[in-house]
Structure formats: structure tokens, C-alpha cells
């Protein structure tokens, strides 16, 4: 299969074993016959290229609406439009929603988004009054996606390629980090408040120099608001 379809194929596990699926044309089907001695061919629906869109649904968090560009925002909402084709989804994961809930209750000021991904948290923060907003990520694709999505949403967000595990992080009034539990606990922040998520409700991360002042949970996930210890 790798020889015939080096760009990739699908493995589907079933009761009778594993089925290998290639999306190809008649010529590719003939090659499969020659290689394996037998295949089953099924026509692919004409709208297969658009069916993935059904998995990206908008969410409403207070006055914020977060969703993909083919959905229509609520008329009374602050819209954060994220194209999942760029990178990292639209921000509909429970941890993103929890972070947005906590950010709404934090005094406005400068904001640092650690592990910015598609930029959804940074863009939403800019929409509700945080400034300046800086996003950092270890992936160049995330930096590019954040900048592109910020421009599409008409907000100013700076994005930088930074490894938060080894670099000194820029100071901010508020930091938000929707990353793994281990990475949260390694953070060395210079911020008055920190919103963290990316872990399960059973996890209780310790953030050095901070105390937990609020927690939100949904669908087995959690997010915490921390205040710098005095």
C-alpha cells in the first residue's frame, strides 16, 4: 500500500481484521487488483471534500461566538472566525471554552497566549479588550495561523516562535496557556493572573508562584485561574 499510495491511505479496524482503504481512480483500482488479487470498489460521494466541515461547529461563550467561516455568527455576538483549514481546529474544544469563560472575568491589560495554536484565545482576548496581545508557540505553522486569523478578524495580535520550556517569557498582566498538564507545571510566568487548561478535571496543576482562585469544569476537562502570590 505504501508503494502504491505513498501520500497515505486509511486503516479501518473491523471484527474481521483491518481494512486498507485508498481513495483513487480506476487506474489505481487496477493496480490494487494486480498487487492483492482482489479489492472492493465503492463510489465516493460527490460532496466528500466538504463533509469534514460538519465536524467544526460554532460555540457561544458569553458574548463571544467562535466558529468557522462557513457558519453565520449570532447578530449580538463578538465573532471570532477561525479557519480550521489553516491549523489546529476552530477552538470548539471544552478547554478553549473554559479558558474564554475565565478570561471574561479577569481585569483587562496586556495578555500572553502560551501555545497559541490557531490564535483563537489571543484573538478572542483582543476582541474583549485585552491589549497588547502576544501569542507564542513552538510550531511555525501555529505562528503563521495566528497571524493570518488575527488579520482576518481585524485585530492586532503579535505572534512569535518561542519554546516556553526553555525561553524567558515576556511579562504580561494576564497569561493564558491551554497546553498539556506537564507543560503548565513547567511554566515560569511573569504575569499578575494566569488562566491554564489542557488537562482533565482530576488534575490539579501547581503553578510556581501562584495560587488558584477559580476553577471551571465541563465534560471531564478543567481550567484554572491563578493569581500571583503576594
Foldseek 3Di string as FASTA:
>chain_A
DCVLCVVDWDWDQDPVGIDTGDDDDPVSVVVVCVVPVDDDDDDDDPCVVPPVQVVWDWDDQPQEIWGAPVDDDDPRHLYQHAHVVQWDGGQPDPQSSQLLNVLLPDDAEEEEEEQCALVRVQLVSQSNHHPDYEYEHQDPSRQVNNVVSNVVSVGDYHYDNDDQLPDDDDAIQEYEYQDDLVSQLSGDYRYQKYKYWVDFPVDDHDHPQWDWDDKDDDPGTIMTMIGGDD
